[in-house]
Amino acid sequence: MRRCCLSMVIAVAFCLVSAWAFAADGEALVQSTCTKCHDLGRVRAAIGVKDQAAWTTTVARMLAKPNAPAVGAEEQASIVGWLSTQSK
């Protein structure tokens, strides 16, 4: 019983830490990636206005441009995830 409870506590703690790390990574990626082409004012203007689907389309469109930085699928998901959870 103790092992089961301990395992459960560890699993929950891991999930919470992972969610926090995901959020921190998303913000850092937005700051380092999006500013390659434009300032964050443009990004901030759309925060709280666009939902996840809209951010997915916007980020994909921006990353398809010839001068866009190389971003992997996981990084793109982190960017979209962070942007879609922000509010003004």
Protein backbone atom coordinates (compact mmCIF):
# COMPACT_ATOMS: atom_id res chain seq x y z
CA MET A 1 0.00 0.00 0.00
CA ARG A 2 2.80 2.41 0.88
CA ARG A 3 4.60 1.69 -2.37
CA CYS A 4 1.43 2.32 -4.30
CA CYS A 5 0.85 5.67 -2.59
CA LEU A 6 4.48 6.66 -3.00
CA SER A 7 4.37 5.75 -6.69
CA MET A 8 1.21 7.80 -7.10
CA VAL A 9 2.76 10.84 -5.39
CA ILE A 10 5.86 10.58 -7.55
CA ALA A 11 3.77 10.30 -10.72
CA VAL A 12 1.69 13.36 -9.83
CA ALA A 13 4.81 15.36 -8.95
CA PHE A 14 6.40 14.40 -12.25
CA CYS A 15 3.29 15.55 -14.17
CA LEU A 16 3.24 18.88 -12.36
CA VAL A 17 6.94 19.50 -12.97
CA SER A 18 6.55 18.52 -16.63
CA ALA A 19 3.66 20.94 -17.09
CA TRP A 20 5.67 23.74 -15.49
CA ALA A 21 8.70 22.95 -17.67
CA PHE A 22 6.49 22.86 -20.77
CA ALA A 23 5.16 26.34 -19.99
CA ALA A 24 8.61 27.75 -19.31
CA ASP A 25 10.00 26.22 -22.51
CA GLY A 26 7.11 27.61 -24.55
CA GLU A 27 7.68 31.13 -23.29
CA ALA A 28 11.42 30.93 -23.93
CA LEU A 29 10.81 29.54 -27.40
CA VAL A 30 8.37 32.34 -28.21
CA GLN A 31 10.90 34.92 -27.08
CA SER A 32 13.82 33.37 -28.95
CA THR A 33 12.00 32.22 -32.08
CA CYS A 34 9.31 34.78 -32.82
CA THR A 35 11.70 37.71 -32.37
CA LYS A 36 13.82 36.45 -35.26
CA CYS A 37 11.29 38.03 -37.60
CA HIS A 38 9.30 40.57 -35.56
CA ASP A 39 8.99 42.13 -32.11
CA LEU A 40 6.91 40.64 -29.32
CA GLY A 41 4.37 43.47 -29.54
CA ARG A 42 2.85 41.72 -32.53
CA VAL A 43 2.62 38.48 -30.57
CA ARG A 44 1.20 40.19 -27.46
CA ALA A 45 -1.52 41.84 -29.54
CA ALA A 46 -2.95 38.44 -30.46
CA ILE A 47 -2.65 36.84 -27.00
CA GLY A 48 -6.08 36.19 -25.57
CA VAL A 49 -7.68 36.73 -28.97
CA LYS A 50 -6.60 33.56 -30.77
CA ASP A 51 -7.45 30.05 -29.64
CA GLN A 52 -5.24 26.98 -30.08
CA ALA A 53 -6.43 26.30 -33.62
CA ALA A 54 -5.73 29.88 -34.67
CA TRP A 55 -2.29 29.83 -33.04
CA THR A 56 -1.51 26.52 -34.76
CA THR A 57 -2.31 28.10 -38.13
CA THR A 58 -0.42 31.30 -37.36
CA VAL A 59 2.71 29.57 -36.09
CA ALA A 60 2.74 27.14 -39.04
CA ARG A 61 2.35 30.05 -41.47
CA MET A 62 5.17 32.01 -39.84
CA LEU A 63 7.51 29.00 -39.74
CA ALA A 64 6.85 28.27 -43.43
CA LYS A 65 8.41 31.58 -44.45
CA PRO A 66 11.86 31.34 -46.08
CA ASN A 67 13.66 33.35 -43.38
CA ALA A 68 11.99 31.58 -40.42
CA PRO A 69 14.16 29.80 -37.86
CA ALA A 70 14.30 26.00 -37.89
CA VAL A 71 11.84 24.68 -35.31
CA GLY A 72 11.04 21.03 -34.65
CA ALA A 73 7.57 19.60 -34.13
CA GLU A 74 7.96 19.44 -30.34
CA GLU A 75 9.16 23.02 -30.17
CA GLN A 76 6.31 24.15 -32.40
CA ALA A 77 3.83 22.35 -30.13
CA SER A 78 5.37 24.08 -27.10
CA ILE A 79 5.08 27.48 -28.76
CA VAL A 80 1.44 26.90 -29.73
CA GLY A 81 0.64 25.46 -26.30
CA TRP A 82 2.12 28.42 -24.46
CA LEU A 83 0.54 31.04 -26.73
CA SER A 84 -2.91 29.46 -26.52
CA THR A 85 -2.91 29.40 -22.70
CA GLN A 86 -1.97 33.05 -22.24
CA SER A 87 -4.48 35.78 -21.50
CA LYS A 88 -4.28 39.55 -21.46
